Amino acid sequence: MAMNSLPGPHNITRSVLDNGITVLVYENHAAQSAVIAGSVRSGSIYEDRTRSGLAGFTADALMYGTQQRDFDAIHEALESIGADLSVDAGVHKTGFNGKALAEDLPVLIDLLGDVLRNPSFPPDEVERLRGEIMVGLQYRQQDTRYRASRAFRENLYPFEHPYHHSTSGTLETVPTITIDEMRTFHQRYYGPDGMTLVIVGDVNTQEALDIVQRRLGDWRNPDQPPAPALPDTPAVEEIRRASVTLKGKTQSDIVMGVPGPSRFAADYQAASLANSILGQFGMMGRIGKEVREKLGLAYYAYSRVEGGFGPNPWSVSAGVNPANVQLAIDSIVNEIRRLASEPVSDEDIEDNKSYFTGHLPLQLENNEGIAGTILSMESYNLGLDYLLKYREMIYSLTKDDLLAAAQRYWNPEAFVLAVAGPDEG
């Protein structure tokens, strides 16, 4: 994708409505579709820690009925025009995504406005949804990968921290969440202030802005509170191990890690590049090469920097034969120690820089990818010129930058380790 055709300040229109909704429109006439992506400022960070799952349950229920449309009417309206719309709660925000033919953008925005503003929480539908959530939670209790991930987060973050909890809730909390609680949560936290809406596709910018103004411009919630601050994340000062025993399983899953950089951190890109070398690039980086290919200890092995609005994990995950758990852990720790103690090679850093910049156009091949990228640019205050500066930003990183990022977040003698499998490994 040529530089002048990348989304940027010259071809993205950004407008803030009187009620606080930020709308970004990017015209792409290569396809006949229109895609929407965005978020409202509600999520599990707003729920009482003893009501885990309330934000997620509330968001899931929005598509099950409104004051104007029941469940069937919502989904028939979408199916009749071949459109999609979904709403899903995260920790900090509740996100939404939709797609329709460009000519049906008014219908899509109208449905979005209806489900965000006017949910009815019909009891029969809420109970059906509760049953689906419970089945999912029960199924995950026997999933070693899920149980290792949950144990990892519960030991990395204290109970009062929202990152300790699953947005899906638990088998104990979900049955106790009431419709009144969902309605109160919605009335309090859903509103236009802090909402972002991105529209990408075969649209006219002014017409798209007018559609949003007509359907969402009169939304008000004077009681909507500001975003709360995250509580502090205590440093990990020793190896903290958690084990989950699931009898009868033939695989053990390992998750190990530390609090990583937020997307706002100055060294986020350096950490991401270092992480790619550690456990992403070329069949999962050094960890994949050493643990999976060379030693044959893992079915899968990779590392991840989650980023986001706060210090989400920088973690390593692996699935291994239960007999090889400790060998795999030791091998992974060796690679972490190497990353945090010596500069990466010229070949490693150049290959990964080339991959990062070469992969960018692939993310922008369709309207969904463009919309998601523009939403990230807005959400994390990256600036409308972020994509134009991206190559220069990546190529300005040095081996010392990557080493400093690895050393800032990782200590090979202090991390959280969770193992779930047929025994404690």
Protein backbone atom coordinates (compact mmCIF):
# COMPACT_ATOMS: atom_id res chain seq x y z
CA MET A 1 0.00 0.00 0.00
CA ALA A 2 1.51 3.30 -1.10
CA MET A 3 2.26 5.85 1.61
CA ASN A 4 -0.21 8.41 0.26
CA SER A 5 -3.00 5.83 0.23
CA LEU A 6 -2.53 4.81 3.86
CA PRO A 7 -5.25 6.01 6.23
CA GLY A 8 -4.05 9.30 7.69
CA PRO A 9 -5.02 12.88 8.49
CA HIS A 10 -5.47 13.60 4.78
CA ASN A 11 -8.21 11.00 4.27
CA ILE A 12 -9.68 10.21 7.71
CA THR A 13 -12.36 12.63 8.89
CA ARG A 14 -12.62 12.94 12.67
CA SER A 15 -15.63 14.68 14.19
CA VAL A 16 -16.79 14.99 17.81
CA LEU A 17 -20.54 15.34 18.36
CA ASP A 18 -21.95 17.68 20.99
CA ASN A 19 -22.70 14.75 23.28
CA GLY A 20 -19.11 13.46 23.25
CA ILE A 21 -19.21 10.74 20.57
CA THR A 22 -16.07 10.73 18.42
CA VAL A 23 -16.81 9.65 14.85
CA LEU A 24 -14.08 8.75 12.36
CA VAL A 25 -14.90 8.10 8.70
CA TYR A 26 -12.63 6.66 6.03
CA GLU A 27 -13.94 6.30 2.50
CA ASN A 28 -12.85 3.10 0.73
CA HIS A 29 -14.74 2.60 -2.51
CA ALA A 30 -12.96 -0.62 -3.45
CA ALA A 31 -15.75 -2.67 -1.87
CA GLN A 32 -19.50 -2.10 -1.62
CA SER A 33 -19.63 -2.71 2.10
CA ALA A 34 -19.61 -0.44 5.11
CA VAL A 35 -17.99 -1.57 8.34
CA ILE A 36 -18.44 -0.06 11.78
CA ALA A 37 -16.21 -0.59 14.80
CA GLY A 38 -16.17 1.21 18.10
CA SER A 39 -16.63 1.21 21.82
CA VAL A 40 -18.54 2.74 24.69
CA ARG A 41 -16.95 3.50 28.05
CA SER A 42 -18.27 0.57 30.03
CA GLY A 43 -16.60 -2.69 30.99
CA SER A 44 -15.72 -4.93 33.88
CA ILE A 45 -13.57 -2.21 35.46
CA TYR A 46 -16.88 -0.62 36.54
CA GLU A 47 -18.38 -3.69 38.21
CA ASP A 48 -18.13 -4.63 41.87
CA ARG A 49 -15.47 -7.31 42.19
CA THR A 50 -18.03 -9.63 43.83
CA ARG A 51 -20.30 -9.25 40.79
CA SER A 52 -17.77 -10.61 38.31
CA GLY A 53 -19.38 -11.05 34.89
CA LEU A 54 -21.99 -8.29 35.27
CA ALA A 55 -20.54 -6.09 32.52
CA GLY A 56 -20.11 -9.03 30.15
CA PHE A 57 -23.60 -10.40 30.84
CA THR A 58 -25.10 -6.94 30.32
CA ALA A 59 -23.28 -6.45 27.00
CA ASP A 60 -24.27 -9.90 25.75
CA ALA A 61 -27.92 -9.21 26.60
CA LEU A 62 -28.13 -6.02 24.53
CA MET A 63 -28.76 -7.99 21.33
CA TYR A 64 -31.53 -10.04 22.94
CA GLY A 65 -34.23 -7.38 22.98
CA THR A 66 -34.89 -3.64 23.08
CA GLN A 67 -37.90 -1.52 23.91
CA GLN A 68 -38.75 -1.40 20.19
CA ARG A 69 -37.59 -4.83 18.98
CA ASP A 70 -37.62 -8.31 20.45
CA PHE A 71 -34.85 -10.85 19.79
CA ASP A 72 -36.42 -12.08 16.54
CA ALA A 73 -36.99 -8.55 15.23
CA ILE A 74 -33.37 -7.54 15.85
CA HIS A 75 -31.96 -10.54 14.05
CA GLU A 76 -34.49 -10.52 11.24
CA ALA A 77 -33.63 -6.86 10.59
CA LEU A 78 -29.97 -7.85 10.25
CA GLU A 79 -30.56 -11.02 8.23
CA SER A 80 -32.92 -9.30 5.79
CA ILE A 81 -30.05 -7.08 4.59
CA GLY A 82 -27.24 -9.62 5.10
CA ALA A 83 -25.72 -7.55 7.89
CA ASP A 84 -23.82 -8.44 11.06
CA LEU A 85 -23.73 -6.68 14.44
CA SER A 86 -22.13 -7.79 17.69
CA VAL A 87 -21.44 -6.29 21.12
CA ASP A 88 -18.85 -7.60 23.57
CA ALA A 89 -17.58 -6.28 26.89
CA GLY A 90 -13.91 -5.97 27.71
CA VAL A 91 -12.26 -4.75 30.88
CA HIS A 92 -12.18 -1.04 30.09
CA LYS A 93 -14.75 -0.70 27.32
CA THR A 94 -17.57 -2.50 25.58
CA GLY A 95 -16.79 -2.93 21.93
CA PHE A 96 -19.07 -3.34 18.95
CA ASN A 97 -18.58 -4.37 15.34
CA GLY A 98 -20.92 -4.42 12.36
CA LYS A 99 -21.00 -4.83 8.60
CA ALA A 100 -23.57 -4.20 5.90
CA LEU A 101 -23.85 -3.08 2.32
CA ALA A 102 -23.02 0.61 2.20
CA GLU A 103 -26.61 1.45 1.22
CA ASP A 104 -27.80 -0.18 4.46
CA LEU A 105 -25.54 1.83 6.76
CA PRO A 106 -28.55 3.80 8.13
CA VAL A 107 -30.21 0.51 9.19
CA LEU A 108 -27.01 -0.72 10.83
CA ILE A 109 -26.47 2.51 12.78
CA ASP A 110 -30.14 2.56 13.76
CA LEU A 111 -29.88 -0.98 15.16
CA LEU A 112 -26.62 -0.11 16.94
CA GLY A 113 -28.25 2.91 18.56
CA ASP A 114 -31.26 0.87 19.61
CA VAL A 115 -29.32 -1.94 21.30
CA LEU A 116 -26.90 0.44 23.03
CA ARG A 117 -29.55 2.86 24.25
CA ASN A 118 -32.78 0.90 24.76
CA PRO A 119 -32.18 -2.68 25.91
CA SER A 120 -35.19 -4.29 27.59
CA PHE A 121 -33.45 -7.30 29.22
CA PRO A 122 -36.42 -9.64 28.57
CA PRO A 123 -36.46 -12.26 31.37
CA ASP A 124 -36.86 -15.34 29.17
CA GLU A 125 -34.03 -14.27 26.88
CA VAL A 126 -31.80 -13.29 29.79
CA GLU A 127 -32.27 -16.73 31.36
CA ARG A 128 -31.50 -18.42 28.05
CA LEU A 129 -28.34 -16.34 27.78
CA ARG A 130 -27.40 -17.10 31.39
CA GLY A 131 -27.67 -20.80 30.58
CA GLU A 132 -25.37 -20.40 27.59
CA ILE A 133 -22.80 -18.52 29.67
CA MET A 134 -22.93 -21.18 32.39
CA VAL A 135 -22.43 -24.00 29.88
CA GLY A 136 -19.42 -22.17 28.49
CA LEU A 137 -17.96 -21.65 31.96
CA GLN A 138 -18.55 -25.30 32.89
CA TYR A 139 -16.88 -26.48 29.71
CA ARG A 140 -13.85 -24.28 30.37
CA GLN A 141 -13.39 -25.80 33.82
CA GLN A 142 -12.07 -28.90 32.05
CA ASP A 143 -9.90 -26.98 29.58
CA THR A 144 -6.27 -27.02 30.74
CA ARG A 145 -5.37 -24.02 28.58
CA TYR A 146 -8.16 -21.89 30.04
CA ARG A 147 -7.49 -23.00 33.62
CA ALA A 148 -3.78 -22.21 33.33
CA SER A 149 -4.60 -18.77 31.94
CA ARG A 150 -7.08 -18.03 34.74
CA ALA A 151 -4.69 -19.21 37.44
CA PHE A 152 -1.95 -17.07 35.91
CA ARG A 153 -4.03 -13.87 35.98
CA GLU A 154 -5.41 -14.55 39.44
CA ASN A 155 -1.87 -14.82 40.78
CA LEU A 156 -0.42 -11.95 38.75
CA TYR A 157 -3.02 -9.37 39.83
CA PRO A 158 -4.57 -8.92 43.31
CA PHE A 159 -8.28 -9.62 43.82
CA GLU A 160 -9.23 -5.93 43.80
CA HIS A 161 -7.59 -5.42 40.38
CA PRO A 162 -9.96 -5.80 37.39
CA TYR A 163 -7.34 -7.79 35.47
CA HIS A 164 -7.59 -10.51 38.14
CA HIS A 165 -11.11 -11.38 36.98
CA SER A 166 -12.64 -12.87 33.85
CA THR A 167 -15.12 -10.66 31.98
CA SER A 168 -17.25 -13.83 31.65
CA GLY A 169 -17.67 -14.10 35.42
CA THR A 170 -17.58 -17.35 37.36
CA LEU A 171 -19.83 -20.31 38.08
CA GLU A 172 -20.51 -18.68 41.46
CA THR A 173 -21.26 -15.11 40.33
CA VAL A 174 -23.19 -15.52 37.07
CA PRO A 175 -26.19 -17.34 38.64
CA THR A 176 -26.64 -14.50 41.15
CA ILE A 177 -26.62 -11.55 38.72
CA THR A 178 -30.11 -10.06 38.50
CA ILE A 179 -31.88 -8.23 35.70
CA ASP A 180 -32.21 -5.22 37.98
CA GLU A 181 -28.43 -5.17 38.39
CA MET A 182 -27.98 -5.37 34.62
CA ARG A 183 -30.48 -2.58 34.05
CA THR A 184 -28.82 -0.39 36.69
CA PHE A 185 -25.37 -1.08 35.24
CA HIS A 186 -26.58 -0.13 31.78
CA GLN A 187 -28.30 3.05 32.93
CA ARG A 188 -25.23 4.17 34.85
CA TYR A 189 -22.34 3.33 32.54
CA TYR A 190 -23.66 3.32 28.98
CA GLY A 191 -23.62 6.74 27.40
CA PRO A 192 -22.16 8.87 24.63
CA ASP A 193 -19.30 10.38 26.61
CA GLY A 194 -16.11 8.61 25.57
CA MET A 195 -17.84 6.63 22.82
CA THR A 196 -15.91 6.08 19.59
CA LEU A 197 -17.48 5.05 16.28
CA VAL A 198 -15.39 4.28 13.18
CA ILE A 199 -17.05 3.92 9.76
CA VAL A 200 -15.08 2.53 6.82
CA GLY A 201 -16.28 1.63 3.35
CA ASP A 202 -18.13 2.74 0.25
CA VAL A 203 -19.65 5.76 1.98
CA ASN A 204 -19.82 9.50 1.59
CA THR A 205 -18.21 11.08 4.64
CA GLN A 206 -20.77 13.81 5.23
CA GLU A 207 -23.68 11.44 4.69
CA ALA A 208 -22.17 9.01 7.20
CA LEU A 209 -21.70 11.79 9.77
CA ASP A 210 -25.31 12.91 9.20
CA ILE A 211 -26.59 9.35 9.77
CA VAL A 212 -24.75 9.14 13.10
CA GLN A 213 -25.93 12.58 14.14
CA ARG A 214 -29.58 11.71 13.43
CA ARG A 215 -29.50 8.40 15.27
CA LEU A 216 -27.08 9.01 18.12
CA GLY A 217 -26.68 12.78 18.40
CA ASP A 218 -29.49 13.17 20.94
CA TRP A 219 -28.18 10.47 23.31
CA ARG A 220 -27.47 11.85 26.76
CA ASN A 221 -26.49 10.32 30.08
CA PRO A 222 -25.80 13.06 32.64
CA ASP A 223 -24.96 10.45 35.30
CA GLN A 224 -22.24 8.72 33.26
CA PRO A 225 -19.10 8.72 35.44
CA PRO A 226 -15.54 9.29 34.23
CA ALA A 227 -13.28 6.32 33.68
CA PRO A 228 -11.86 5.03 36.98
CA ALA A 229 -8.14 4.78 37.52
CA LEU A 230 -6.60 1.34 37.58
CA PRO A 231 -5.30 0.24 40.97
CA ASP A 232 -1.56 -0.28 41.19
CA THR A 233 -0.14 -3.57 40.00
CA PRO A 234 2.31 -4.90 42.61
CA ALA A 235 5.69 -5.97 41.29
CA VAL A 236 6.42 -9.70 41.15
CA GLU A 237 9.42 -10.25 43.41
CA GLU A 238 9.77 -14.01 43.32
CA ILE A 239 8.71 -17.00 41.25
CA ARG A 240 5.06 -17.46 42.18
CA ARG A 241 3.74 -20.86 41.08
CA ALA A 242 0.13 -22.02 40.84
CA SER A 243 -0.93 -25.55 39.91
CA VAL A 244 -4.35 -26.76 38.76
CA THR A 245 -4.94 -30.52 38.70
CA LEU A 246 -7.38 -31.87 36.14
CA LYS A 247 -7.46 -35.66 36.28
CA GLY A 248 -7.58 -37.63 33.07
CA LYS A 249 -5.95 -34.98 30.89
CA THR A 250 -3.16 -35.94 28.51
CA GLN A 251 -1.65 -32.45 28.16
CA SER A 252 -0.37 -29.84 30.57
CA ASP A 253 -0.61 -26.15 29.74
CA ILE A 254 1.85 -23.57 31.02
CA VAL A 255 1.40 -19.81 31.27
CA MET A 256 4.16 -17.71 32.75
CA GLY A 257 4.74 -13.99 32.72
CA VAL A 258 4.87 -10.55 34.26
CA PRO A 259 2.92 -7.28 34.03
CA GLY A 260 3.87 -5.83 30.66
CA PRO A 261 3.67 -2.43 28.98
CA SER A 262 0.39 -0.71 28.30
CA ARG A 263 -0.25 0.49 24.76
CA PHE A 264 0.54 3.98 26.03
CA ALA A 265 4.03 3.03 27.30
CA ALA A 266 6.95 4.72 25.53
CA ASP A 267 8.67 1.35 25.16
CA TYR A 268 5.63 -0.57 23.92
CA GLN A 269 6.99 -0.94 20.37
CA ALA A 270 10.42 -1.98 21.66
CA ALA A 271 8.77 -4.59 23.89
CA SER A 272 6.64 -5.81 20.97
CA LEU A 273 9.67 -6.21 18.74
CA ALA A 274 11.58 -8.00 21.50
CA ASN A 275 8.57 -10.24 22.08
CA SER A 276 8.40 -11.11 18.39
CA ILE A 277 11.99 -12.32 18.56
CA LEU A 278 11.27 -14.21 21.78
CA GLY A 279 8.14 -16.05 20.77
CA GLN A 280 6.37 -14.92 17.61
CA PHE A 281 8.42 -14.54 14.43
CA GLY A 282 9.14 -17.52 12.18
CA MET A 283 7.07 -20.29 13.80
CA MET A 284 7.03 -18.60 17.19
CA GLY A 285 10.49 -17.18 17.61
CA ARG A 286 13.29 -18.41 19.81
CA ILE A 287 10.94 -20.23 22.17
CA GLY A 288 9.28 -22.13 19.34
CA LYS A 289 12.63 -23.01 17.82
CA GLU A 290 14.21 -24.16 21.08
CA VAL A 291 11.33 -25.66 23.06
CA ARG A 292 9.17 -27.08 20.29
CA GLU A 293 11.47 -27.80 17.36
CA LYS A 294 14.89 -28.53 18.87
CA LEU A 295 13.93 -30.16 22.17
CA GLY A 296 10.50 -31.46 21.11
CA LEU A 297 9.00 -30.52 24.47
CA ALA A 298 5.89 -28.59 23.40
CA TYR A 299 2.91 -28.99 21.09
CA TYR A 300 2.77 -25.22 20.89
CA ALA A 301 4.83 -22.45 22.46
CA TYR A 302 4.68 -18.70 21.96
CA SER A 303 4.92 -15.38 23.78
CA ARG A 304 2.60 -12.38 23.76
CA VAL A 305 2.57 -8.71 24.73
CA GLU A 306 -1.09 -7.84 25.25
CA GLY A 307 -0.75 -4.06 25.55
CA GLY A 308 -4.10 -2.35 26.03
CA PHE A 309 -5.15 0.39 28.42
CA GLY A 310 -3.13 -0.86 31.37
CA PRO A 311 -0.28 -3.21 32.33
CA ASN A 312 -1.66 -6.38 30.77
CA PRO A 313 0.64 -9.40 30.78
CA TRP A 314 3.78 -10.08 28.83
CA SER A 315 3.50 -13.84 28.90
CA VAL A 316 4.67 -17.14 27.48
CA SER A 317 2.26 -20.02 26.86
CA ALA A 318 3.01 -23.64 26.03
CA GLY A 319 1.22 -26.97 25.80
CA VAL A 320 3.40 -29.91 26.79
CA ASN A 321 3.46 -33.56 27.69
CA PRO A 322 2.95 -33.69 31.49
CA ALA A 323 6.27 -35.47 31.84
CA ASN A 324 8.07 -32.53 30.24
CA VAL A 325 6.61 -29.63 32.23
CA GLN A 326 9.72 -28.70 34.21
CA LEU A 327 12.05 -29.21 31.25
CA ALA A 328 9.88 -26.88 29.16
CA ILE A 329 9.76 -24.27 31.93
CA ASP A 330 13.54 -24.36 32.32
CA SER A 331 14.04 -24.01 28.58
CA ILE A 332 11.64 -21.05 28.38
CA VAL A 333 13.33 -19.33 31.32
CA ASN A 334 16.68 -19.76 29.58
CA GLU A 335 15.33 -17.91 26.53
CA ILE A 336 13.90 -15.14 28.72
CA ARG A 337 17.24 -14.82 30.51
CA ARG A 338 18.99 -14.58 27.18
CA LEU A 339 16.61 -11.88 25.91
CA ALA A 340 17.07 -9.84 29.09
CA SER A 341 20.85 -10.19 29.32
CA GLU A 342 22.28 -9.82 25.82
CA PRO A 343 21.44 -7.75 22.74
CA VAL A 344 19.58 -9.54 19.96
CA SER A 345 21.49 -10.27 16.77
CA ASP A 346 21.58 -7.95 13.76
CA GLU A 347 19.74 -10.60 11.78
CA ASP A 348 16.99 -10.97 14.41
CA ILE A 349 16.25 -7.27 14.68
CA GLU A 350 16.37 -6.64 10.92
CA ASP A 351 14.18 -9.64 10.09
CA ASN A 352 11.59 -8.60 12.65
CA LYS A 353 11.58 -4.95 11.59
CA SER A 354 10.99 -6.11 8.03
CA TYR A 355 8.19 -8.39 9.21
CA PHE A 356 6.48 -5.66 11.27
CA THR A 357 6.52 -3.15 8.43
CA GLY A 358 5.71 -5.71 5.75
CA HIS A 359 2.78 -7.07 7.74
CA LEU A 360 1.15 -3.67 8.08
CA PRO A 361 -0.41 -3.56 4.59
CA LEU A 362 -1.95 -6.99 5.20
CA GLN A 363 -3.81 -5.55 8.20
CA LEU A 364 -5.30 -2.93 5.90
CA GLU A 365 -6.44 -5.24 3.11
CA ASN A 366 -10.12 -5.05 4.01
CA ASN A 367 -12.55 -2.65 5.64
CA GLU A 368 -12.58 -4.61 8.90
CA GLY A 369 -8.82 -4.34 9.22
CA ILE A 370 -8.83 -0.63 8.42
CA ALA A 371 -11.65 0.06 10.89
CA GLY A 372 -9.93 -1.86 13.67
CA THR A 373 -6.65 -0.05 13.04
CA ILE A 374 -8.29 3.40 13.06
CA LEU A 375 -10.13 2.48 16.27
CA SER A 376 -6.81 1.58 17.91
CA MET A 377 -5.26 4.82 16.71
CA GLU A 378 -8.08 6.78 18.34
CA SER A 379 -8.36 4.67 21.49
CA TYR A 380 -4.66 4.86 22.35
CA ASN A 381 -4.10 8.47 21.23
CA LEU A 382 -1.65 7.37 18.55
CA GLY A 383 -2.59 10.21 16.21
CA LEU A 384 -4.14 10.12 12.76
CA ASP A 385 -0.63 10.10 11.25
CA TYR A 386 0.37 6.93 13.10
CA LEU A 387 0.45 4.72 10.00
CA LEU A 388 2.44 7.32 8.06
CA LYS A 389 5.08 7.35 10.82
CA TYR A 390 5.01 3.62 11.54
CA ARG A 391 7.90 2.48 9.34
CA GLU A 392 10.21 5.19 10.61
CA MET A 393 9.18 4.43 14.20
CA ILE A 394 9.96 0.71 13.86
CA TYR A 395 13.25 1.23 12.04
CA SER A 396 14.41 3.75 14.65
CA LEU A 397 14.43 1.06 17.34
CA THR A 398 17.86 -0.22 18.35
CA LYS A 399 19.11 -3.41 19.94
CA ASP A 400 19.68 -1.40 23.13
CA ASP A 401 16.00 -0.32 23.10
CA LEU A 402 14.89 -3.95 22.91
CA LEU A 403 17.30 -5.02 25.65
CA ALA A 404 16.12 -2.20 27.92
CA ALA A 405 12.48 -3.16 27.40
CA ALA A 406 13.18 -6.83 28.14
CA GLN A 407 15.10 -5.88 31.28
CA ARG A 408 12.42 -3.46 32.44
CA TYR A 409 9.62 -6.02 32.41
CA TRP A 410 11.29 -9.42 32.76
CA ASN A 411 13.28 -10.85 35.63
CA PRO A 412 14.12 -14.54 35.05
CA GLU A 413 14.04 -14.99 38.84
CA ALA A 414 10.66 -13.32 39.42
CA PHE A 415 7.49 -14.14 37.48
CA VAL A 416 4.15 -15.86 37.86
CA LEU A 417 3.91 -19.43 36.62
CA ALA A 418 0.68 -21.40 36.25
CA VAL A 419 0.43 -25.03 35.19
CA ALA A 420 -2.79 -26.93 34.53
CA GLY A 421 -2.75 -30.63 33.78
CA PRO A 422 -3.27 -34.17 35.05
CA ASP A 423 -0.92 -33.62 37.97
CA GLU A 424 1.14 -30.79 39.38
CA GLY A 425 4.01 -31.47 36.99
